């Protein structure tokens, strides 16, 4: 019988050790569930931004400074700032104790080795036979591993100090003698751990021959978490975040109006991920889905709330809208060519090939007889370069670029009669013009394209019309 859970703790939650200890670790211990848990932890909030680059602003970190071939003093300065930040976190957690000195020694040694490696690589690449670009993905992986190693080591030691029998599970492959596939690294790490008597704290980054950063970039910790849950045959996978998976962003609709979802399925989770609001990375969810392993999303700061349970088979008892979600700063690239009529497949393949070549994420697309519109997320410079490539391939085409937002009503079953009219009327009542819309036969979402300036109001209007009119209580559907 399955008895253990695999639980991931996000970076913002990790930054509040007392809340993690009392609301996640001790909370379940007090319910006499014993050990039988594996924890996978992210780096502390903001640390990965310092290691790589800022997730939203693209402000340079150690990696982007090094990869950008800036003056070598820049990335060295970034490492010095990083070291000061990590040591400050240690001092806050351990105060002035021998354990703080051990914590500094652990991460300090890895920082020293990292700096020496970057120095050596920089010097080697001054020779014409070596190209820096050939090594950058390895550098990115090495740097990413530091954040999770730091937080996992700290948490294992803090919990040990506070009476829990923990073990630090280092999946980073630091100084490993050989490279392993991801599954092999995980299986080797956990094969001798007795979950009945020990609490493993595993790094959210795992070094493997596949290279997690290539496929998942900064979503790598979710893949590690997912594979650990699948390979150890967990009873349930749990993600602890600083907020509930809710009916909308509480910052937009108000904390009192946003409602935890409670129950939904992996199909809905995929729709959220497509909009950049991941409950879990789609590729990480795939393994859980295939294993029929339930995923629960919980709020670290509300430990008595059951959170939201995501399963394969769930469909709401009554057709309804569960979430209003969306994405701002999307570029709508409208492509018109009179010759497209009758050749839509060829045009579509060629355009998608160019989009993939420039590595531009595609959220959605619409078409009619002679027009294809792609909704893309990237910086304007990359979009313009892509446009030039399209113009070279189709010199007679016309293109129009517009910045828009996508707002989506999502649910596990939205076969509600008149739902399209109701949503459009809600937007019209708020004086919002719908630039385009899409409703698929799968009936799990309706997407509205609106002006970027109308995003907040569109979310608020749809939430008020479709969700707030119902008295959902503590959750739309109790988990």
Protein backbone atom coordinates (compact mmCIF):
# COMPACT_ATOMS: atom_id res chain seq x y z
CA UNK A 1 0.00 0.00 0.00
CA UNK A 2 1.28 3.46 -0.88
CA UNK A 3 2.13 5.31 2.31
CA UNK A 4 4.41 8.27 1.62
CA UNK A 5 4.03 11.68 0.01
CA UNK A 6 6.52 13.70 -2.01
CA UNK A 7 6.26 17.42 -1.24
CA UNK A 8 7.78 20.45 -2.94
CA UNK A 9 8.28 23.74 -1.13
CA UNK A 10 8.47 26.89 -3.25
CA UNK A 11 11.10 29.59 -2.86
CA UNK A 12 8.91 32.21 -1.18
CA UNK A 13 7.76 29.66 1.40
CA UNK A 14 11.34 28.50 1.94
CA UNK A 15 12.25 32.05 2.91
CA UNK A 16 10.01 31.70 5.98
CA UNK A 17 11.55 28.79 7.88
CA UNK A 18 9.29 29.14 10.92
CA UNK A 19 6.17 28.84 8.74
CA UNK A 20 7.61 25.81 6.90
CA UNK A 21 8.55 24.12 10.17
CA UNK A 22 5.30 24.81 12.01
CA UNK A 23 2.76 24.67 9.15
CA UNK A 24 4.25 21.90 7.02
CA UNK A 25 6.66 19.73 9.04
CA UNK A 26 5.34 19.85 12.60
CA UNK A 27 1.73 20.27 11.51
CA UNK A 28 1.64 16.77 10.01
CA UNK A 29 3.83 15.34 12.77
CA UNK A 30 1.26 16.54 15.27
CA UNK A 31 -1.38 14.58 13.34
CA UNK A 32 0.70 11.44 14.02
CA UNK A 33 1.47 10.74 10.39
CA UNK A 34 5.09 10.16 11.35
CA UNK A 35 7.74 10.48 8.68
CA UNK A 36 6.81 8.85 5.33
CA UNK A 37 7.47 12.11 3.49
CA UNK A 38 10.09 13.31 1.00
CA UNK A 39 10.70 17.04 0.62
CA UNK A 40 12.03 18.69 -2.53
CA UNK A 41 13.00 22.30 -1.96
CA UNK A 42 13.53 25.33 -4.16
CA UNK A 43 16.17 27.99 -3.63
CA UNK A 44 15.24 30.81 -1.29
CA UNK A 45 13.16 33.56 -2.88
CA UNK A 46 15.25 35.77 -5.18
CA UNK A 47 18.39 33.61 -5.08
CA UNK A 48 17.94 32.04 -8.52
CA UNK A 49 17.46 35.55 -9.92
CA UNK A 50 20.92 36.43 -8.57
CA UNK A 51 22.41 33.21 -9.94
CA UNK A 52 20.92 33.40 -13.45
CA UNK A 53 18.89 36.52 -14.28
CA UNK A 54 15.78 38.16 -12.86
CA UNK A 55 12.77 36.14 -13.98
CA UNK A 56 10.64 39.16 -14.87
CA UNK A 57 12.93 42.14 -15.42
CA UNK A 58 15.84 40.19 -17.00
CA UNK A 59 18.24 42.07 -14.70
CA UNK A 60 21.55 40.29 -15.03
CA UNK A 61 22.74 37.69 -12.55
CA UNK A 62 26.01 35.77 -12.44
CA UNK A 63 25.12 33.63 -15.48
CA UNK A 64 23.81 36.38 -17.76
CA UNK A 65 26.80 38.59 -16.90
CA UNK A 66 29.21 35.77 -17.70
CA UNK A 67 27.35 34.64 -20.85
CA UNK A 68 26.99 38.20 -22.09
CA UNK A 69 30.77 38.51 -22.39
CA UNK A 70 30.71 41.56 -20.17
CA UNK A 71 33.85 42.79 -18.48
CA UNK A 72 34.99 39.95 -16.23
CA UNK A 73 34.80 42.23 -13.22
CA UNK A 74 30.99 42.32 -13.62
CA UNK A 75 30.30 38.63 -13.07
CA UNK A 76 32.91 38.53 -10.30
CA UNK A 77 31.10 41.38 -8.60
CA UNK A 78 27.82 39.47 -9.03
CA UNK A 79 29.35 36.43 -7.31
CA UNK A 80 30.53 38.62 -4.44
CA UNK A 81 27.00 40.00 -4.07
CA UNK A 82 25.58 36.49 -4.22
CA UNK A 83 27.98 35.28 -1.52
CA UNK A 84 26.99 38.19 0.73
CA UNK A 85 23.29 37.39 0.18
CA UNK A 86 23.67 33.67 0.96
CA UNK A 87 25.75 34.35 4.06
CA UNK A 88 23.15 36.91 5.21
CA UNK A 89 20.42 34.26 4.85
CA UNK A 90 22.55 31.85 6.89
CA UNK A 91 23.10 34.42 9.62
CA UNK A 92 19.36 35.11 9.82
CA UNK A 93 18.57 31.39 10.07
CA UNK A 94 21.39 30.18 12.35
CA UNK A 95 22.44 33.41 14.09
CA UNK A 96 26.00 33.55 15.41
CA UNK A 97 26.47 29.84 16.09
CA UNK A 98 28.88 27.08 15.04
CA UNK A 99 26.07 25.80 12.78
CA UNK A 100 26.13 29.13 10.92
CA UNK A 101 29.87 28.69 10.39
CA UNK A 102 29.25 25.19 8.98
CA UNK A 103 26.52 26.54 6.70
CA UNK A 104 28.84 29.25 5.38
CA UNK A 105 31.63 26.71 4.90
CA UNK A 106 29.31 24.40 2.90
CA UNK A 107 28.02 26.96 0.42
CA UNK A 108 31.25 28.98 0.52
CA UNK A 109 33.24 26.03 -0.77
CA UNK A 110 30.85 25.59 -3.69
CA UNK A 111 31.00 29.29 -4.49
CA UNK A 112 34.81 29.14 -4.47
CA UNK A 113 34.81 26.17 -6.85
CA UNK A 114 32.28 27.90 -9.11
CA UNK A 115 34.32 31.08 -9.30
CA UNK A 116 37.49 29.13 -10.05
CA UNK A 117 35.69 27.17 -12.80
CA UNK A 118 34.43 30.36 -14.43
CA UNK A 119 37.89 31.89 -14.23
CA UNK A 120 39.40 28.81 -15.90
CA UNK A 121 36.71 28.68 -18.58
CA UNK A 122 37.11 32.38 -19.36
CA UNK A 123 40.85 31.91 -19.78
CA UNK A 124 40.51 28.77 -21.94
CA UNK A 125 37.96 30.45 -24.22
CA UNK A 126 40.44 33.19 -25.00
CA UNK A 127 42.08 30.56 -27.23
CA UNK A 128 40.60 30.36 -30.71
CA UNK A 129 39.89 26.63 -30.52
CA UNK A 130 37.38 27.01 -27.68
CA UNK A 131 34.00 28.76 -27.95
CA UNK A 132 32.21 29.99 -24.83
CA UNK A 133 28.78 29.19 -26.27
CA UNK A 134 29.66 25.49 -26.26
CA UNK A 135 29.84 25.53 -22.47
CA UNK A 136 27.11 27.96 -21.43
CA UNK A 137 24.36 25.41 -20.75
CA UNK A 138 26.75 23.56 -18.41
CA UNK A 139 27.58 26.84 -16.67
CA UNK A 140 23.87 27.60 -16.28
CA UNK A 141 23.21 24.18 -14.74
CA UNK A 142 26.17 24.49 -12.37
CA UNK A 143 25.02 27.90 -11.16
CA UNK A 144 21.39 26.83 -10.80
CA UNK A 145 22.42 23.94 -8.55
CA UNK A 146 23.91 26.29 -5.95
CA UNK A 147 20.57 27.75 -4.88
CA UNK A 148 18.89 24.43 -4.19
CA UNK A 149 21.97 22.93 -2.51
CA UNK A 150 22.10 25.94 -0.18
CA UNK A 151 18.43 25.79 0.84
CA UNK A 152 18.25 21.98 1.13
CA UNK A 153 21.40 21.72 3.30
CA UNK A 154 20.13 24.51 5.53
CA UNK A 155 16.68 23.01 5.96
CA UNK A 156 18.05 19.56 6.76
CA UNK A 157 20.31 21.02 9.45
CA UNK A 158 17.63 23.32 10.90
CA UNK A 159 15.12 20.49 11.23
CA UNK A 160 17.78 18.24 12.73
CA UNK A 161 18.44 20.97 15.29
CA UNK A 162 14.70 21.11 15.96
CA UNK A 163 14.36 17.39 16.63
CA UNK A 164 13.62 15.81 13.24
CA UNK A 165 15.79 12.97 11.90
CA UNK A 166 16.64 14.39 8.48
CA UNK A 167 19.03 13.51 5.69
CA UNK A 168 20.33 15.92 3.05
CA UNK A 169 19.84 14.34 -0.39
CA UNK A 170 22.18 16.10 -2.78
CA UNK A 171 21.06 15.41 -6.36
CA UNK A 172 23.25 18.15 -7.85
CA UNK A 173 26.02 15.75 -8.86
CA UNK A 174 28.61 18.09 -7.34
CA UNK A 175 31.99 16.36 -7.67
CA UNK A 176 30.21 13.18 -8.86
CA UNK A 177 32.46 10.61 -10.48
CA UNK A 178 30.09 9.87 -13.39
CA UNK A 179 27.08 11.33 -15.18
CA UNK A 180 23.74 9.60 -14.74
CA UNK A 181 20.28 9.76 -16.30
CA UNK A 182 17.78 11.62 -14.14
CA UNK A 183 15.88 8.50 -13.09
CA UNK A 184 19.09 6.67 -12.22
CA UNK A 185 20.34 9.56 -10.09
CA UNK A 186 17.06 9.66 -8.16
CA UNK A 187 16.87 5.89 -7.69
CA UNK A 188 20.46 5.74 -6.45
CA UNK A 189 19.87 8.58 -4.00
CA UNK A 190 16.79 7.07 -2.37
CA UNK A 191 17.44 3.32 -2.51
CA UNK A 192 18.86 3.09 1.03
CA UNK A 193 16.68 5.66 2.78
CA UNK A 194 14.12 4.34 5.29
CA UNK A 195 11.17 6.70 4.98
CA UNK A 196 9.62 5.30 8.16
CA UNK A 197 12.38 6.73 10.33
CA UNK A 198 13.99 9.49 8.28
CA UNK A 199 12.91 12.70 6.54
CA UNK A 200 14.83 13.30 3.27
CA UNK A 201 15.38 16.90 2.18
CA UNK A 202 16.29 16.78 -1.52
CA UNK A 203 17.64 19.48 -3.80
CA UNK A 204 15.18 20.79 -6.38
CA UNK A 205 17.93 20.61 -8.99
CA UNK A 206 19.31 17.27 -10.17
CA UNK A 207 22.32 16.94 -12.46
CA UNK A 208 21.69 14.42 -15.25
CA UNK A 209 22.87 13.57 -18.74
CA UNK A 210 19.59 14.85 -20.24
CA UNK A 211 20.26 18.38 -18.96
CA UNK A 212 17.15 19.69 -17.20
CA UNK A 213 17.74 23.32 -18.12
CA UNK A 214 17.50 22.55 -21.86
CA UNK A 215 13.90 21.39 -21.55
CA UNK A 216 12.59 23.13 -18.45
CA UNK A 217 14.80 26.16 -17.89
CA UNK A 218 13.77 27.38 -14.44
CA UNK A 219 10.98 24.80 -14.13
CA UNK A 220 13.57 22.09 -13.41
CA UNK A 221 12.61 21.67 -9.73
CA UNK A 222 9.10 20.60 -10.72
CA UNK A 223 10.51 17.90 -12.97
CA UNK A 224 12.75 16.61 -10.17
CA UNK A 225 9.79 16.66 -7.78
CA UNK A 226 7.58 14.82 -10.29
CA UNK A 227 10.14 12.10 -11.07
CA UNK A 228 10.82 11.48 -7.36
CA UNK A 229 7.06 11.05 -6.78
CA UNK A 230 6.73 8.65 -9.72
CA UNK A 231 9.88 6.60 -9.07
CA UNK A 232 9.26 6.20 -5.33
CA UNK A 233 5.61 5.30 -5.99
CA UNK A 234 4.21 8.04 -3.77
CA UNK A 235 0.66 8.13 -2.47
CA UNK A 236 0.31 11.81 -3.34
CA UNK A 237 2.41 14.66 -4.68
CA UNK A 238 2.05 17.98 -2.84
CA UNK A 239 3.22 21.48 -3.75
CA UNK A 240 3.38 24.06 -0.95
CA UNK A 241 3.06 27.63 -2.24
CA UNK A 242 2.58 30.99 -0.59
CA UNK A 243 -0.97 31.18 -2.00
CA UNK A 244 -3.88 28.93 -2.95
CA UNK A 245 -4.61 27.82 -6.48
CA UNK A 246 -7.54 30.23 -6.67
CA UNK A 247 -10.38 31.30 -8.93
CA UNK A 248 -8.33 34.39 -9.92
CA UNK A 249 -5.38 36.45 -8.82
CA UNK A 250 -6.39 37.82 -5.38
CA UNK A 251 -4.40 40.98 -6.09
CA UNK A 252 -6.79 41.75 -8.97
CA UNK A 253 -10.17 40.58 -7.66
CA UNK A 254 -9.61 41.04 -3.94
CA UNK A 255 -8.56 38.52 -1.30
CA UNK A 256 -12.13 38.20 -0.08
CA UNK A 257 -13.45 37.42 -3.57
CA UNK A 258 -10.86 34.89 -4.77
CA UNK A 259 -11.86 31.33 -3.85
CA UNK A 260 -9.58 28.24 -3.65
CA UNK A 261 -10.52 25.86 -6.46
CA UNK A 262 -10.54 22.72 -4.30
CA UNK A 263 -10.73 20.14 -7.09
CA UNK A 264 -9.71 20.14 -10.75
CA UNK A 265 -7.91 17.99 -13.31
CA UNK A 266 -4.63 17.93 -15.22
CA UNK A 267 -6.31 19.31 -18.34
CA UNK A 268 -7.08 22.53 -16.47
CA UNK A 269 -3.52 22.58 -15.07
CA UNK A 270 -2.22 22.48 -18.66
CA UNK A 271 -4.41 25.45 -19.65
CA UNK A 272 -3.00 27.45 -16.73
CA UNK A 273 0.55 26.51 -17.67
CA UNK A 274 -0.08 27.68 -21.23
CA UNK A 275 -0.87 31.11 -19.79
CA UNK A 276 2.27 31.11 -17.66
CA UNK A 277 0.40 30.44 -14.41
CA UNK A 278 1.79 27.02 -13.67
CA UNK A 279 0.37 24.82 -10.96
CA UNK A 280 3.06 22.49 -12.34
CA UNK A 281 5.12 22.37 -15.55
CA UNK A 282 3.15 20.35 -18.19
CA UNK A 283 6.05 17.95 -18.80
CA UNK A 284 6.39 17.38 -15.07
CA UNK A 285 2.64 16.80 -14.82
CA UNK A 286 2.82 14.21 -17.61
CA UNK A 287 4.51 11.61 -15.40
CA UNK A 288 2.03 12.18 -12.57
CA UNK A 289 -0.84 11.98 -15.02
CA UNK A 290 0.38 8.72 -16.58
CA UNK A 291 0.84 7.21 -13.11
CA UNK A 292 -2.63 8.47 -12.05
CA UNK A 293 -0.87 10.10 -9.13
CA UNK A 294 -2.87 12.94 -7.52
CA UNK A 295 -1.27 16.36 -7.08
CA UNK A 296 -2.31 18.66 -4.25
CA UNK A 297 -1.51 22.39 -4.20
CA UNK A 298 -1.53 23.81 -0.66
CA UNK A 299 -1.08 27.23 0.93
CA UNK A 300 1.88 27.16 3.33
CA UNK A 301 0.20 29.74 5.55
CA UNK A 302 -3.17 27.93 5.80
CA UNK A 303 -2.14 24.40 6.83
CA UNK A 304 -5.64 23.31 7.89
CA UNK A 305 -7.08 24.04 4.43
CA UNK A 306 -7.10 20.97 2.18
CA UNK A 307 -5.89 23.04 -0.78
CA UNK A 308 -6.66 21.98 -4.36
CA UNK A 309 -6.47 18.36 -5.48
CA UNK A 310 -5.62 17.78 -9.14
CA UNK A 311 -6.47 14.33 -10.54
CA UNK A 312 -6.81 12.68 -13.92
CA UNK A 313 -10.48 11.76 -13.76
CA UNK A 314 -12.06 14.76 -12.04
CA UNK A 315 -14.87 16.62 -13.81
CA UNK A 316 -17.03 19.12 -11.96
CA UNK A 317 -20.42 17.78 -10.88
CA UNK A 318 -22.13 20.69 -12.63
CA UNK A 319 -20.67 22.48 -15.67
CA UNK A 320 -19.08 25.69 -14.41
CA UNK A 321 -16.19 28.13 -14.67
CA UNK A 322 -13.49 27.44 -12.07
CA UNK A 323 -10.78 29.99 -12.87
CA UNK A 324 -10.33 33.33 -14.58
CA UNK A 325 -6.70 33.53 -15.65
CA UNK A 326 -4.71 35.32 -18.28
CA UNK A 327 -1.50 36.80 -19.54
CA UNK A 328 -0.41 40.34 -20.29
CA UNK A 329 2.25 41.64 -22.66
CA UNK A 330 1.42 39.21 -25.45
CA UNK A 331 2.29 40.07 -29.05
CA UNK A 332 -0.39 39.31 -31.63
CA UNK A 333 1.34 38.84 -34.98
CA UNK A 334 -1.23 38.93 -37.77
CA UNK A 335 0.02 37.44 -41.06
CA UNK A 336 -1.98 38.05 -44.26
CA UNK A 337 -1.22 36.60 -47.68
CA UNK A 338 -3.73 36.47 -50.53
CA UNK A 339 -2.12 33.26 -51.83
CA UNK A 340 -2.73 31.39 -48.56
CA UNK A 341 -6.20 30.25 -49.60
CA UNK A 342 -5.97 26.51 -50.26
CA UNK A 343 -2.41 26.28 -48.88
CA UNK A 344 -3.08 26.86 -45.18
CA UNK A 345 -1.15 23.77 -44.06
CA UNK A 346 2.04 24.76 -45.88
CA UNK A 347 1.89 28.34 -44.64
CA UNK A 348 1.19 27.15 -41.10
CA UNK A 349 4.16 24.75 -41.12
CA UNK A 350 6.55 27.37 -42.48
CA UNK A 351 5.48 30.03 -39.98
CA UNK A 352 5.69 27.63 -37.04
CA UNK A 353 9.15 26.60 -38.22
CA UNK A 354 10.34 30.22 -38.03
CA UNK A 355 8.69 30.73 -34.62
CA UNK A 356 10.46 27.62 -33.30
CA UNK A 357 13.78 28.72 -34.81
CA UNK A 358 13.63 31.95 -32.83
CA UNK A 359 12.46 30.03 -29.72
CA UNK A 360 9.42 32.25 -29.24
CA UNK A 361 6.76 30.70 -26.95
CA UNK A 362 3.41 30.38 -28.73
CA UNK A 363 0.29 30.65 -26.56
CA UNK A 364 -2.47 30.44 -29.13
CA UNK A 365 -3.30 31.02 -32.81
CA UNK A 366 -6.30 31.85 -34.94
CA UNK A 367 -6.87 31.66 -38.68
CA UNK A 368 -9.32 32.32 -41.46
CA UNK A 369 -9.04 31.80 -45.23
CA UNK A 370 -6.04 34.06 -45.79
CA UNK A 371 -4.89 35.20 -42.34
CA UNK A 372 -2.95 33.53 -39.54
CA UNK A 373 -2.59 35.23 -36.16
CA UNK A 374 -0.09 33.92 -33.61
CA UNK A 375 -0.07 35.07 -29.98
CA UNK A 376 3.53 35.15 -28.82
CA UNK A 377 5.52 35.88 -25.66
CA UNK A 378 9.00 37.31 -26.14
CA UNK A 379 10.88 40.58 -26.12
CA UNK A 380 10.18 43.01 -28.96
CA UNK A 381 13.70 42.72 -30.37
CA UNK A 382 13.31 38.96 -30.90
CA UNK A 383 9.83 39.40 -32.36
CA UNK A 384 11.15 41.94 -34.88
CA UNK A 385 13.97 39.60 -35.93
CA UNK A 386 11.41 36.86 -36.44
CA UNK A 387 9.24 39.19 -38.52
CA UNK A 388 12.19 39.94 -40.80
CA UNK A 389 12.73 36.21 -41.34
CA UNK A 390 9.05 35.77 -42.22
CA UNK A 391 9.17 38.69 -44.66
CA UNK A 392 12.17 37.14 -46.41
CA UNK A 393 10.32 33.86 -46.87
CA UNK A 394 7.01 35.50 -47.87
CA UNK A 395 7.94 38.82 -49.56
CA UNK A 396 4.32 39.53 -50.60
CA UNK A 397 2.78 39.04 -47.18
CA UNK A 398 1.42 41.79 -44.93
CA UNK A 399 2.02 41.71 -41.17
CA UNK A 400 0.57 43.65 -38.29
CA UNK A 401 1.95 43.51 -34.75
CA UNK A 402 -0.14 44.48 -31.74
CA UNK A 403 0.42 44.18 -28.01
CA UNK A 404 -2.58 42.50 -26.35
CA UNK A 405 -3.65 40.48 -23.33
CA UNK A 406 -5.29 37.07 -23.19
CA UNK A 407 -7.98 36.51 -20.57
CA UNK A 408 -9.38 33.02 -20.22
CA UNK A 409 -12.33 31.43 -18.44
CA UNK A 410 -11.29 27.87 -17.53
CA UNK A 411 -13.05 24.85 -16.05
CA UNK A 412 -12.99 21.06 -16.08
CA UNK A 413 -16.43 21.10 -17.77
CA UNK A 414 -17.69 24.35 -19.29
CA UNK A 415 -20.57 22.99 -21.34
CA UNK A 416 -22.84 25.64 -19.89
CA UNK A 417 -25.64 26.78 -22.24
CA UNK A 418 -25.16 30.43 -23.12
CA UNK A 419 -21.72 30.65 -21.48
CA UNK A 420 -20.22 32.44 -24.48
CA UNK A 421 -22.96 35.07 -24.54
CA UNK A 422 -22.68 35.56 -20.78
CA UNK A 423 -18.93 36.13 -20.90
CA UNK A 424 -19.10 38.50 -23.87
CA UNK A 425 -21.91 40.47 -22.20
CA UNK A 426 -19.86 40.76 -18.99
CA UNK A 427 -16.99 42.29 -20.95
CA UNK A 428 -19.31 44.55 -22.95
CA UNK A 429 -20.92 45.81 -19.73
CA UNK A 430 -17.44 46.90 -18.61
CA UNK A 431 -16.98 48.70 -21.96
CA UNK A 432 -14.23 46.25 -23.03
CA UNK A 433 -13.83 45.52 -26.73
CA UNK A 434 -13.11 41.87 -27.57
CA UNK A 435 -10.47 41.86 -30.31
CA UNK A 436 -10.75 38.08 -30.88
CA UNK A 437 -11.98 35.01 -29.06
CA UNK A 438 -11.67 31.24 -29.19
CA UNK A 439 -13.78 28.43 -27.73
CA UNK A 440 -12.70 24.88 -28.45
CA UNK A 441 -14.93 21.81 -28.66
CA UNK A 442 -13.09 20.34 -25.67
CA UNK A 443 -15.02 22.85 -23.55
CA UNK A 444 -12.33 23.54 -20.97
CA UNK A 445 -11.63 27.18 -21.77
CA UNK A 446 -12.70 30.30 -23.63
CA UNK A 447 -9.96 32.76 -24.57
CA UNK A 448 -10.60 36.46 -25.06
CA UNK A 449 -8.07 38.75 -26.72
CA UNK A 450 -8.37 42.27 -25.32
CA UNK A 451 -6.30 45.43 -25.25
CA UNK A 452 -3.36 45.22 -22.87
CA UNK A 453 -4.80 48.20 -20.97
CA UNK A 454 -8.07 46.30 -20.35
CA UNK A 455 -6.49 43.23 -18.73
CA UNK A 456 -7.22 43.99 -15.06
CA UNK A 457 -10.78 45.09 -15.72
CA UNK A 458 -11.46 42.06 -17.95
CA UNK A 459 -10.36 39.63 -15.22
CA UNK A 460 -12.41 41.47 -12.61
CA UNK A 461 -15.52 41.60 -14.81
CA UNK A 462 -15.46 37.92 -15.74
CA UNK A 463 -14.73 36.86 -12.16
CA UNK A 464 -17.59 38.96 -10.84
CA UNK A 465 -20.01 37.63 -13.46
CA UNK A 466 -19.03 33.94 -13.48
CA UNK A 467 -17.69 33.16 -10.00
CA UNK A 468 -18.57 35.78 -7.40
CA UNK A 469 -22.30 35.39 -8.12
CA UNK A 470 -22.11 31.93 -6.55
CA UNK A 471 -21.61 31.24 -2.83
CA UNK A 472 -18.68 28.83 -3.04
CA UNK A 473 -17.64 28.98 0.62
CA UNK A 474 -14.11 27.72 1.38
CA UNK A 475 -13.60 26.21 -2.09
CA UNK A 476 -15.38 25.91 -5.42
CA UNK A 477 -15.34 22.13 -4.86
CA UNK A 478 -14.05 20.78 -1.53
CA UNK A 479 -10.90 18.68 -1.98
